[in-house]
PDB file of N, CA and C in Angstrom:
ATOM      1  N   UNK A   1     201.422 -48.693 147.854  1.00  0.00           N
ATOM      2  CA  UNK A   1     201.530 -49.671 146.544  1.00  0.00           C
ATOM      3  C   UNK A   1     200.295 -50.405 146.563  1.00  0.00           C
ATOM      4  N   UNK A   2     199.115 -50.589 145.793  1.00  0.00           N
ATOM      5  CA  UNK A   2     198.056 -51.203 145.773  1.00  0.00           C
ATOM      6  C   UNK A   2     198.332 -52.559 145.366  1.00  0.00           C
ATOM      7  N   UNK A   3     197.664 -53.721 145.854  1.00  0.00           N
ATOM      8  CA  UNK A   3     197.568 -55.205 145.560  1.00  0.00           C
ATOM      9  C   UNK A   3     197.183 -54.955 144.341  1.00  0.00           C
ATOM     10  N   UNK A   4     197.457 -55.654 143.139  1.00  0.00           N
ATOM     11  CA  UNK A   4     196.975 -55.685 141.711  1.00  0.00           C
ATOM     12  C   UNK A   4     195.447 -56.678 142.086  1.00  0.00           C
ATOM     13  N   UNK A   5     195.483 -57.679 142.875  1.00  0.00           N
ATOM     14  CA  UNK A   5     194.333 -58.684 142.991  1.00  0.00           C
ATOM     15  C   UNK A   5     193.251 -57.905 143.635  1.00  0.00           C
ATOM     16  N   UNK A   6     193.291 -56.615 144.512  1.00  0.00           N
ATOM     17  CA  UNK A   6     192.276 -55.908 144.810  1.00  0.00           C
ATOM     18  C   UNK A   6     191.349 -55.075 143.777  1.00  0.00           C
ATOM     19  N   UNK A   7     191.852 -55.023 142.777  1.00  0.00           N
ATOM     20  CA  UNK A   7     191.553 -54.217 141.464  1.00  0.00           C
ATOM     21  C   UNK A   7     190.025 -54.975 140.968  1.00  0.00           C
ATOM     22  N   UNK A   8     188.838 -54.590 140.801  1.00  0.00           N
ATOM     23  CA  UNK A   8     187.924 -55.418 140.752  1.00  0.00           C
ATOM     24  C   UNK A   8     187.911 -55.615 139.071  1.00  0.00           C
ATOM     25  N   UNK A   9     188.062 -56.858 138.792  1.00  0.00           N
ATOM     26  CA  UNK A   9     187.975 -57.773 137.575  1.00  0.00           C
ATOM     27  C   UNK A   9     189.591 -58.557 137.529  1.00  0.00           C
ATOM     28  N   UNK A  10     190.211 -58.254 138.004  1.00  0.00           N
ATOM     29  CA  UNK A  10     191.584 -58.702 138.147  1.00  0.00           C
ATOM     30  C   UNK A  10     191.562 -59.626 139.160  1.00  0.00           C
ATOM     31  N   UNK A  11     191.866 -61.102 139.059  1.00  0.00           N
ATOM     32  CA  UNK A  11     191.860 -62.175 140.326  1.00  0.00           C
ATOM     33  C   UNK A  11     193.156 -62.984 139.958  1.00  0.00           C
ATOM     34  N   UNK A  12     193.448 -63.829 140.574  1.00  0.00           N
ATOM     35  CA  UNK A  12     194.761 -64.799 140.618  1.00  0.00           C
ATOM     36  C   UNK A  12     194.882 -65.500 139.102  1.00  0.00           C
ATOM     37  N   UNK A  13     193.714 -65.881 138.596  1.00  0.00           N
ATOM     38  CA  UNK A  13     193.686 -66.604 137.523  1.00  0.00           C
ATOM     39  C   UNK A  13     194.159 -65.629 136.240  1.00  0.00           C
ATOM     40  N   UNK A  14     193.116 -64.575 136.146  1.00  0.00           N
ATOM     41  CA  UNK A  14     193.725 -63.691 135.124  1.00  0.00           C
ATOM     42  C   UNK A  14     195.080 -63.162 135.138  1.00  0.00           C
ATOM     43  N   UNK A  15     195.718 -62.868 136.592  1.00  0.00           N
ATOM     44  CA  UNK A  15     197.218 -62.412 136.547  1.00  0.00           C
ATOM     45  C   UNK A  15     198.074 -63.616 135.984  1.00  0.00           C
ATOM     46  N   UNK A  16     197.698 -64.679 136.621  1.00  0.00           N
ATOM     47  CA  UNK A  16     198.520 -65.787 136.117  1.00  0.00           C
ATOM     48  C   UNK A  16     198.564 -65.786 134.442  1.00  0.00           C
ATOM     49  N   UNK A  17     197.666 -65.602 133.835  1.00  0.00           N
ATOM     50  CA  UNK A  17     197.471 -65.617 132.440  1.00  0.00           C
ATOM     51  C   UNK A  17     198.137 -64.310 132.060  1.00  0.00           C
ATOM     52  N   UNK A  18     197.971 -63.446 132.633  1.00  0.00           N
ATOM     53  CA  UNK A  18     198.835 -62.166 131.915  1.00  0.00           C
ATOM     54  C   UNK A  18     200.429 -62.333 132.072  1.00  0.00           C
ATOM     55  N   UNK A  19     200.868 -62.906 133.234  1.00  0.00           N
ATOM     56  CA  UNK A  19     202.252 -63.274 133.460  1.00  0.00           C
ATOM     57  C   UNK A  19     202.836 -63.978 132.713  1.00  0.00           C
ATOM     58  N   UNK A  20     202.057 -64.959 132.245  1.00  0.00           N
ATOM     59  CA  UNK A  20     202.415 -66.256 131.225  1.00  0.00           C
ATOM     60  C   UNK A  20     202.586 -65.374 129.701  1.00  0.00           C
ATOM     61  N   UNK A  21     201.766 -64.767 129.518  1.00  0.00           N
ATOM     62  CA  UNK A  21     201.692 -63.757 128.220  1.00  0.00           C
ATOM     63  C   UNK A  21     203.011 -62.972 127.887  1.00  0.00           C
ATOM     64  N   UNK A  22     203.255 -62.189 129.121  1.00  0.00           N
ATOM     65  CA  UNK A  22     204.331 -61.360 129.269  1.00  0.00           C
ATOM     66  C   UNK A  22     205.398 -61.925 129.657  1.00  0.00           C
ATOM     67  N   UNK A  23     205.508 -63.278 129.566  1.00  0.00           N
ATOM     68  CA  UNK A  23     207.171 -64.034 130.011  1.00  0.00           C
ATOM     69  C   UNK A  23     207.716 -63.960 131.304  1.00  0.00           C
ATOM     70  N   UNK A  24     206.782 -63.646 132.326  1.00  0.00           N
ATOM     71  CA  UNK A  24     207.078 -63.540 133.482  1.00  0.00           C
ATOM     72  C   UNK A  24     207.083 -64.826 134.390  1.00  0.00           C
ATOM     73  N   UNK A  25     207.981 -65.163 135.476  1.00  0.00           N
ATOM     74  CA  UNK A  25     207.880 -66.197 136.120  1.00  0.00           C
ATOM     75  C   UNK A  25     206.484 -66.209 136.906  1.00  0.00           C
ATOM     76  N   UNK A  26     205.676 -67.150 136.956  1.00  0.00           N
ATOM     77  CA  UNK A  26     204.560 -67.169 137.597  1.00  0.00           C
ATOM     78  C   UNK A  26     204.716 -67.578 139.383  1.00  0.00           C
ATOM     79  N   UNK A  27     205.714 -68.372 139.484  1.00  0.00           N
ATOM     80  CA  UNK A  27     206.084 -68.716 140.937  1.00  0.00           C
ATOM     81  C   UNK A  27     206.514 -67.564 141.679  1.00  0.00           C
ATOM     82  N   UNK A  28     207.261 -66.766 141.144  1.00  0.00           N
ATOM     83  CA  UNK A  28     207.773 -65.532 141.903  1.00  0.00           C
ATOM     84  C   UNK A  28     206.720 -64.623 142.527  1.00  0.00           C
ATOM     85  N   UNK A  29     206.523 -64.003 143.886  1.00  0.00           N
ATOM     86  CA  UNK A  29     205.385 -63.332 144.107  1.00  0.00           C
ATOM     87  C   UNK A  29     205.891 -61.779 144.052  1.00  0.00           C
ATOM     88  N   UNK A  30     206.806 -61.487 144.574  1.00  0.00           N
ATOM     89  CA  UNK A  30     207.220 -59.836 144.266  1.00  0.00           C
ATOM     90  C   UNK A  30     208.408 -59.937 143.583  1.00  0.00           C
ATOM     91  N   UNK A  31     208.276 -59.157 142.637  1.00  0.00           N
ATOM     92  CA  UNK A  31     208.953 -58.979 141.439  1.00  0.00           C
ATOM     93  C   UNK A  31     209.401 -57.630 141.131  1.00  0.00           C
ATOM     94  N   UNK A  32     210.587 -57.411 140.496  1.00  0.00           N
ATOM     95  CA  UNK A  32     210.928 -55.939 140.039  1.00  0.00           C
ATOM     96  C   UNK A  32     210.889 -55.604 138.501  1.00  0.00           C
ATOM     97  N   UNK A  33     210.292 -54.988 138.105  1.00  0.00           N
ATOM     98  CA  UNK A  33     210.168 -54.851 136.705  1.00  0.00           C
ATOM     99  C   UNK A  33     210.990 -53.621 136.187  1.00  0.00           C
ATOM    100  N   UNK A  34     211.684 -53.601 135.057  1.00  0.00           N
ATOM    101  CA  UNK A  34     212.196 -52.618 134.258  1.00  0.00           C
ATOM    102  C   UNK A  34     211.366 -51.883 133.846  1.00  0.00           C
ATOM    103  N   UNK A  35     211.818 -50.588 133.238  1.00  0.00           N
ATOM    104  CA  UNK A  35     210.883 -49.668 132.888  1.00  0.00           C
ATOM    105  C   UNK A  35     209.834 -49.957 131.400  1.00  0.00           C
ATOM    106  N   UNK A  36     210.899 -51.080 130.816  1.00  0.00           N
ATOM    107  CA  UNK A  36     210.114 -51.535 129.545  1.00  0.00           C
ATOM    108  C   UNK A  36     209.168 -52.260 129.733  1.00  0.00           C
ATOM    109  N   UNK A  37     209.306 -53.606 130.762  1.00  0.00           N
ATOM    110  CA  UNK A  37     208.451 -54.219 131.380  1.00  0.00           C
ATOM    111  C   UNK A  37     207.425 -53.895 132.141  1.00  0.00           C
ATOM    112  N   UNK A  38     207.551 -52.703 132.832  1.00  0.00           N
ATOM    113  CA  UNK A  38     206.733 -52.129 133.391  1.00  0.00           C
ATOM    114  C   UNK A  38     205.732 -51.499 132.510  1.00  0.00           C
ATOM    115  N   UNK A  39     206.267 -50.940 131.387  1.00  0.00           N
ATOM    116  CA  UNK A  39     205.072 -50.329 130.752  1.00  0.00           C
ATOM    117  C   UNK A  39     204.270 -51.388 129.785  1.00  0.00           C
ATOM    118  N   UNK A  40     204.560 -52.517 129.322  1.00  0.00           N
ATOM    119  CA  UNK A  40     203.988 -53.452 129.006  1.00  0.00           C
ATOM    120  C   UNK A  40     203.054 -53.861 130.208  1.00  0.00           C
ATOM    121  N   UNK A  41     203.418 -54.329 131.007  1.00  0.00           N
ATOM    122  CA  UNK A  41     202.521 -54.767 132.076  1.00  0.00           C
ATOM    123  C   UNK A  41     201.260 -53.563 132.340  1.00  0.00           C
ATOM    124  N   UNK A  42     201.385 -52.306 132.520  1.00  0.00           N
ATOM    125  CA  UNK A  42     200.675 -51.698 132.463  1.00  0.00           C
ATOM    126  C   UNK A  42     199.600 -51.357 131.477  1.00  0.00           C
ATOM    127  N   UNK A  43     200.036 -51.712 130.281  1.00  0.00           N
ATOM    128  CA  UNK A  43     199.254 -51.409 128.999  1.00  0.00           C
ATOM    129  C   UNK A  43     198.459 -53.026 129.006  1.00  0.00           C
ATOM    130  N   UNK A  44     198.992 -54.161 129.541  1.00  0.00           N
ATOM    131  CA  UNK A  44     198.024 -55.015 129.551  1.00  0.00           C
ATOM    132  C   UNK A  44     197.075 -55.095 130.429  1.00  0.00           C
ATOM    133  N   UNK A  45     197.389 -54.334 131.715  1.00  0.00           N
ATOM    134  CA  UNK A  45     196.307 -54.304 132.730  1.00  0.00           C
ATOM    135  C   UNK A  45     195.241 -53.252 132.043  1.00  0.00           C
ATOM    136  N   UNK A  46     195.870 -52.226 131.414  1.00  0.00           N
ATOM    137  CA  UNK A  46     194.533 -51.252 130.788  1.00  0.00           C
ATOM    138  C   UNK A  46     193.674 -51.881 130.000  1.00  0.00           C
ATOM    139  N   UNK A  47     194.059 -53.035 129.482  1.00  0.00           N
ATOM    140  CA  UNK A  47     193.304 -53.717 128.387  1.00  0.00           C
ATOM    141  C   UNK A  47     192.326 -54.457 128.756  1.00  0.00           C
ATOM    142  N   UNK A  48     192.161 -54.756 130.144  1.00  0.00           N
ATOM    143  CA  UNK A  48     191.154 -55.670 130.721  1.00  0.00           C
ATOM    144  C   UNK A  48     190.163 -54.742 131.302  1.00  0.00           C
ATOM    145  N   UNK A  49     188.884 -55.130 131.242  1.00  0.00           N
ATOM    146  CA  UNK A  49     187.734 -54.080 131.813  1.00  0.00           C
ATOM    147  C   UNK A  49     188.081 -54.329 133.445  1.00  0.00           C
ATOM    148  N   UNK A  50     188.064 -53.117 133.872  1.00  0.00           N
ATOM    149  CA  UNK A  50     188.132 -52.981 135.204  1.00  0.00           C
ATOM    150  C   UNK A  50     187.353 -52.219 136.149  1.00  0.00           C
ATOM    151  N   UNK A  51     187.039 -52.339 137.218  1.00  0.00           N
ATOM    152  CA  UNK A  51     186.326 -51.598 138.296  1.00  0.00           C
ATOM    153  C   UNK A  51     184.942 -50.756 137.509  1.00  0.00           C
ATOM    154  N   UNK A  52     184.900 -49.644 137.149  1.00  0.00           N
ATOM    155  CA  UNK A  52     183.757 -49.266 137.029  1.00  0.00           C
ATOM    156  C   UNK A  52     183.222 -49.409 135.457  1.00  0.00           C
ATOM    157  N   UNK A  53     184.088 -49.734 134.612  1.00  0.00           N
ATOM    158  CA  UNK A  53     183.835 -50.450 133.301  1.00  0.00           C
ATOM    159  C   UNK A  53     183.038 -51.645 133.341  1.00  0.00           C
ATOM    160  N   UNK A  54     183.747 -52.674 134.197  1.00  0.00           N
ATOM    161  CA  UNK A  54     183.146 -53.849 134.708  1.00  0.00           C
ATOM    162  C   UNK A  54     181.718 -53.801 134.972  1.00  0.00           C
ATOM    163  N   UNK A  55     181.440 -53.017 136.098  1.00  0.00           N
ATOM    164  CA  UNK A  55     180.251 -52.683 136.611  1.00  0.00           C
ATOM    165  C   UNK A  55     179.180 -52.210 135.727  1.00  0.00           C
ATOM    166  N   UNK A  56     179.720 -51.287 134.873  1.00  0.00           N
ATOM    167  CA  UNK A  56     178.763 -50.676 133.948  1.00  0.00           C
ATOM    168  C   UNK A  56     178.408 -51.999 132.793  1.00  0.00           C
ATOM    169  N   UNK A  57     179.165 -52.766 132.703  1.00  0.00           N
ATOM    170  CA  UNK A  57     179.032 -53.765 131.432  1.00  0.00           C
ATOM    171  C   UNK A  57     178.099 -54.572 131.971  1.00  0.00           C
ATOM    172  N   UNK A  58     178.438 -55.265 133.212  1.00  0.00           N
ATOM    173  CA  UNK A  58     177.574 -56.033 134.105  1.00  0.00           C
ATOM    174  C   UNK A  58     176.053 -55.619 134.026  1.00  0.00           C
ATOM    175  N   UNK A  59     175.837 -54.456 134.439  1.00  0.00           N
ATOM    176  CA  UNK A  59     174.875 -53.600 134.584  1.00  0.00           C
ATOM    177  C   UNK A  59     173.913 -53.613 133.308  1.00  0.00           C
ATOM    178  N   UNK A  60     174.743 -53.392 132.302  1.00  0.00           N
ATOM    179  CA  UNK A  60     174.216 -53.058 130.914  1.00  0.00           C
ATOM    180  C   UNK A  60     173.494 -54.516 130.487  1.00  0.00           C
ATOM    181  N   UNK A  61     174.288 -55.541 130.669  1.00  0.00           N
ATOM    182  CA  UNK A  61     174.029 -57.062 130.582  1.00  0.00           C
ATOM    183  C   UNK A  61     172.732 -57.439 131.324  1.00  0.00           C
ATOM    184  N   UNK A  62     172.486 -57.083 132.381  1.00  0.00           N
ATOM    185  CA  UNK A  62     171.347 -57.542 133.001  1.00  0.00           C
ATOM    186  C   UNK A  62     170.066 -56.398 132.685  1.00  0.00           C
ATOM    187  N   UNK A  63     170.408 -55.222 132.280  1.00  0.00           N
ATOM    188  CA  UNK A  63     169.295 -54.625 131.735  1.00  0.00           C
ATOM    189  C   UNK A  63     168.715 -54.902 130.662  1.00  0.00           C
ATOM    190  N   UNK A  64     169.755 -55.422 129.816  1.00  0.00           N
ATOM    191  CA  UNK A  64     169.241 -56.192 128.523  1.00  0.00           C
ATOM    192  C   UNK A  64     168.376 -57.083 128.671  1.00  0.00           C
ATOM    193  N   UNK A  65     168.481 -57.961 129.400  1.00  0.00           N
ATOM    194  CA  UNK A  65     167.571 -59.042 129.870  1.00  0.00           C
ATOM    195  C   UNK A  65     166.351 -58.640 130.391  1.00  0.00           C
ATOM    196  N   UNK A  66     166.434 -57.619 131.242  1.00  0.00           N
ATOM    197  CA  UNK A  66     165.009 -57.063 131.969  1.00  0.00           C
ATOM    198  C   UNK A  66     164.485 -56.530 130.644  1.00  0.00           C
ATOM    199  N   UNK A  67     164.904 -55.767 129.891  1.00  0.00           N
ATOM    200  CA  UNK A  67     164.144 -55.068 128.781  1.00  0.00           C
ATOM    201  C   UNK A  67     163.547 -55.914 127.815  1.00  0.00           C
ATOM    202  N   UNK A  68     164.267 -56.899 127.492  1.00  0.00           N
ATOM    203  CA  UNK A  68     163.577 -57.930 126.557  1.00  0.00           C
ATOM    204  C   UNK A  68     162.956 -59.058 127.102  1.00  0.00           C
ATOM    205  N   UNK A  69     162.628 -58.719 128.372  1.00  0.00           N
ATOM    206  CA  UNK A  69     161.683 -59.548 129.190  1.00  0.00           C
ATOM    207  C   UNK A  69     161.910 -61.202 129.108  1.00  0.00           C
ATOM    208  N   UNK A  70     163.219 -61.309 129.143  1.00  0.00           N
ATOM    209  CA  UNK A  70     163.761 -62.651 129.082  1.00  0.00           C
ATOM    210  C   UNK A  70     163.334 -63.217 130.462  1.00  0.00           C
ATOM    211  N   UNK A  71     163.469 -64.802 130.660  1.00  0.00           N
ATOM    212  CA  UNK A  71     163.177 -65.568 131.688  1.00  0.00           C
ATOM    213  C   UNK A  71     164.328 -65.112 132.779  1.00  0.00           C
ATOM    214  N   UNK A  72     165.616 -64.842 132.427  1.00  0.00           N
ATOM    215  CA  UNK A  72     166.628 -64.568 133.269  1.00  0.00           C
ATOM    216  C   UNK A  72     166.597 -63.159 133.798  1.00  0.00           C
ATOM    217  N   UNK A  73     166.092 -62.163 132.799  1.00  0.00           N
ATOM    218  CA  UNK A  73     165.615 -60.573 133.262  1.00  0.00           C
ATOM    219  C   UNK A  73     164.714 -60.797 134.349  1.00  0.00           C
ATOM    220  N   UNK A  74     163.824 -61.382 134.159  1.00  0.00           N
ATOM    221  CA  UNK A  74     162.414 -61.255 134.904  1.00  0.00           C
ATOM    222  C   UNK A  74     162.904 -61.887 136.074  1.00  0.00           C
ATOM    223  N   UNK A  75     163.910 -63.159 136.511  1.00  0.00           N
ATOM    224  CA  UNK A  75     164.345 -63.586 137.753  1.00  0.00           C
ATOM    225  C   UNK A  75     165.094 -62.467 138.361  1.00  0.00           C
ATOM    226  N   UNK A  76     165.932 -61.738 137.636  1.00  0.00           N
ATOM    227  CA  UNK A  76     166.729 -60.519 138.262  1.00  0.00           C
ATOM    228  C   UNK A  76     165.782 -59.600 138.715  1.00  0.00           C
ATOM    229  N   UNK A  77     164.790 -59.204 138.005  1.00  0.00           N
ATOM    230  CA  UNK A  77     163.811 -58.171 138.481  1.00  0.00           C
ATOM    231  C   UNK A  77     163.170 -58.439 139.829  1.00  0.00           C
ATOM    232  N   UNK A  78     162.658 -59.674 139.987  1.00  0.00           N
ATOM    233  CA  UNK A  78     161.842 -60.029 141.251  1.00  0.00           C
ATOM    234  C   UNK A  78     162.470 -60.366 142.059  1.00  0.00           C
ATOM    235  N   UNK A  79     164.014 -60.609 141.845  1.00  0.00           N
ATOM    236  CA  UNK A  79     165.230 -60.891 143.180  1.00  0.00           C
ATOM    237  C   UNK A  79     165.087 -62.474 143.295  1.00  0.00           C
ATOM    238  N   UNK A  80     164.687 -63.411 142.278  1.00  0.00           N
ATOM    239  CA  UNK A  80     164.747 -64.577 142.562  1.00  0.00           C
ATOM    240  C   UNK A  80     166.120 -65.327 141.914  1.00  0.00           C
ATOM    241  N   UNK A  81     166.221 -66.403 142.356  1.00  0.00           N
ATOM    242  CA  UNK A  81     167.604 -67.115 141.698  1.00  0.00           C
ATOM    243  C   UNK A  81     167.707 -67.191 140.162  1.00  0.00           C
ATOM    244  N   UNK A  82     168.957 -66.794 139.949  1.00  0.00           N
ATOM    245  CA  UNK A  82     168.333 -66.918 138.254  1.00  0.00           C
ATOM    246  C   UNK A  82     169.530 -68.166 137.801  1.00  0.00           C
ATOM    247  N   UNK A  83     170.287 -69.009 138.329  1.00  0.00           N
ATOM    248  CA  UNK A  83     171.323 -69.815 137.968  1.00  0.00           C
ATOM    249  C   UNK A  83     170.721 -71.048 138.514  1.00  0.00           C
ATOM    250  N   UNK A  84     169.217 -71.171 138.555  1.00  0.00           N
ATOM    251  CA  UNK A  84     168.931 -73.008 138.855  1.00  0.00           C
ATOM    252  C   UNK A  84     168.669 -73.317 140.066  1.00  0.00           C
ATOM    253  N   UNK A  85     168.865 -72.393 141.280  1.00  0.00           N
ATOM    254  CA  UNK A  85     168.733 -72.923 142.567  1.00  0.00           C
ATOM    255  C   UNK A  85     167.489 -72.969 143.060  1.00  0.00           C
ATOM    256  N   UNK A  86     167.165 -73.789 144.130  1.00  0.00           N
ATOM    257  CA  UNK A  86     165.729 -74.210 144.471  1.00  0.00           C
ATOM    258  C   UNK A  86     165.274 -73.215 145.141  1.00  0.00           C
ATOM    259  N   UNK A  87     163.739 -73.087 145.246  1.00  0.00           N
ATOM    260  CA  UNK A  87     163.341 -71.908 145.860  1.00  0.00           C
ATOM    261  C   UNK A  87     162.168 -72.394 146.626  1.00  0.00           C
ATOM    262  N   UNK A  88     161.832 -74.073 146.532  1.00  0.00           N
ATOM    263  CA  UNK A  88     160.808 -74.095 147.055  1.00  0.00           C
ATOM    264  C   UNK A  88     160.910 -74.842 148.740  1.00  0.00           C
ATOM    265  N   UNK A  89     162.123 -75.604 148.917  1.00  0.00           N
ATOM    266  CA  UNK A  89     162.381 -76.088 150.221  1.00  0.00           C
ATOM    267  C   UNK A  89     163.355 -75.487 150.710  1.00  0.00           C
ATOM    268  N   UNK A  90     164.375 -74.529 150.237  1.00  0.00           N
ATOM    269  CA  UNK A  90     165.378 -74.335 150.726  1.00  0.00           C
ATOM    270  C   UNK A  90     165.097 -72.895 151.250  1.00  0.00           C
ATOM    271  N   UNK A  91     164.066 -72.149 151.590  1.00  0.00           N
ATOM    272  CA  UNK A  91     163.831 -71.100 152.168  1.00  0.00           C
ATOM    273  C   UNK A  91     163.860 -71.026 153.824  1.00  0.00           C
ATOM    274  N   UNK A  92     165.126 -70.740 154.357  1.00  0.00           N
ATOM    275  CA  UNK A  92     165.141 -70.674 155.932  1.00  0.00           C
ATOM    276  C   UNK A  92     164.164 -69.396 156.474  1.00  0.00           C
ATOM    277  N   UNK A  93     164.419 -68.543 155.741  1.00  0.00           N
ATOM    278  CA  UNK A  93     163.669 -67.454 156.013  1.00  0.00           C
ATOM    279  C   UNK A  93     162.433 -67.049 155.385  1.00  0.00           C
ATOM    280  N   UNK A  94     161.513 -65.889 155.955  1.00  0.00           N
ATOM    281  CA  UNK A  94     160.335 -65.723 155.486  1.00  0.00           C
ATOM    282  C   UNK A  94     160.588 -65.304 154.106  1.00  0.00           C
ATOM    283  N   UNK A  95     159.700 -65.786 153.081  1.00  0.00           N
ATOM    284  CA  UNK A  95     159.691 -65.064 151.807  1.00  0.00           C
ATOM    285  C   UNK A  95     159.659 -63.783 151.673  1.00  0.00           C
ATOM    286  N   UNK A  96     160.053 -63.090 150.781  1.00  0.00           N
ATOM    287  CA  UNK A  96     160.012 -61.566 150.905  1.00  0.00           C
ATOM    288  C   UNK A  96     159.108 -61.207 149.661  1.00  0.00           C
ATOM    289  N   UNK A  97     158.264 -60.451 149.599  1.00  0.00           N
ATOM    290  CA  UNK A  97     157.337 -59.746 148.600  1.00  0.00           C
ATOM    291  C   UNK A  97     158.424 -59.344 147.441  1.00  0.00           C
ATOM    292  N   UNK A  98     157.973 -59.553 146.109  1.00  0.00           N
ATOM    293  CA  UNK A  98     158.983 -59.439 144.996  1.00  0.00           C
ATOM    294  C   UNK A  98     159.295 -58.238 145.170  1.00  0.00           C
ATOM    295  N   UNK A  99     160.679 -57.994 144.628  1.00  0.00           N
ATOM    296  CA  UNK A  99     161.087 -56.725 144.380  1.00  0.00           C
ATOM    297  C   UNK A  99     161.081 -56.263 143.109  1.00  0.00           C
ATOM    298  N   UNK A 100     160.480 -54.874 142.748  1.00  0.00           N
ATOM    299  CA  UNK A 100     160.161 -54.530 141.576  1.00  0.00           C
ATOM    300  C   UNK A 100     160.878 -53.267 141.398  1.00  0.00           C
ATOM    301  N   UNK A 101     161.566 -53.130 140.288  1.00  0.00           N
ATOM    302  CA  UNK A 101     162.288 -51.964 140.166  1.00  0.00           C
ATOM    303  C   UNK A 101     161.793 -50.978 138.900  1.00  0.00           C
TER     304      UNK A 101
END
C-alpha cells in the first residue's frame, strides 16, 4: 500500500481539502472506505495533476518563459535565482559560469 502523500503533487494540505470536500473526518489518520466512497476518493485523486503530468506542466511553464525571453525565463536559463534572492553577497562558493541550455 502506497502512502498517498508520497505521490508528487499531493501534500497534506491538498489531502485535507480533499477530505473535507468528500465529507471525511480530517482528524482520523487511517480509515477504511466503503466501495462507494473509495470510488469517489479515487476519482477526486485522478482529477489532480500528479507525477508526470505535473512535471510536464511545470516544464512547459518554464519553457514558455524562456521562449518569450521574459526576465524570469532568462534567470531560469542562466541558473540564477528567480524569486528575488540576493546574488551579490550571499555566494559562499565560487560563482559558476552561466549554464546555457
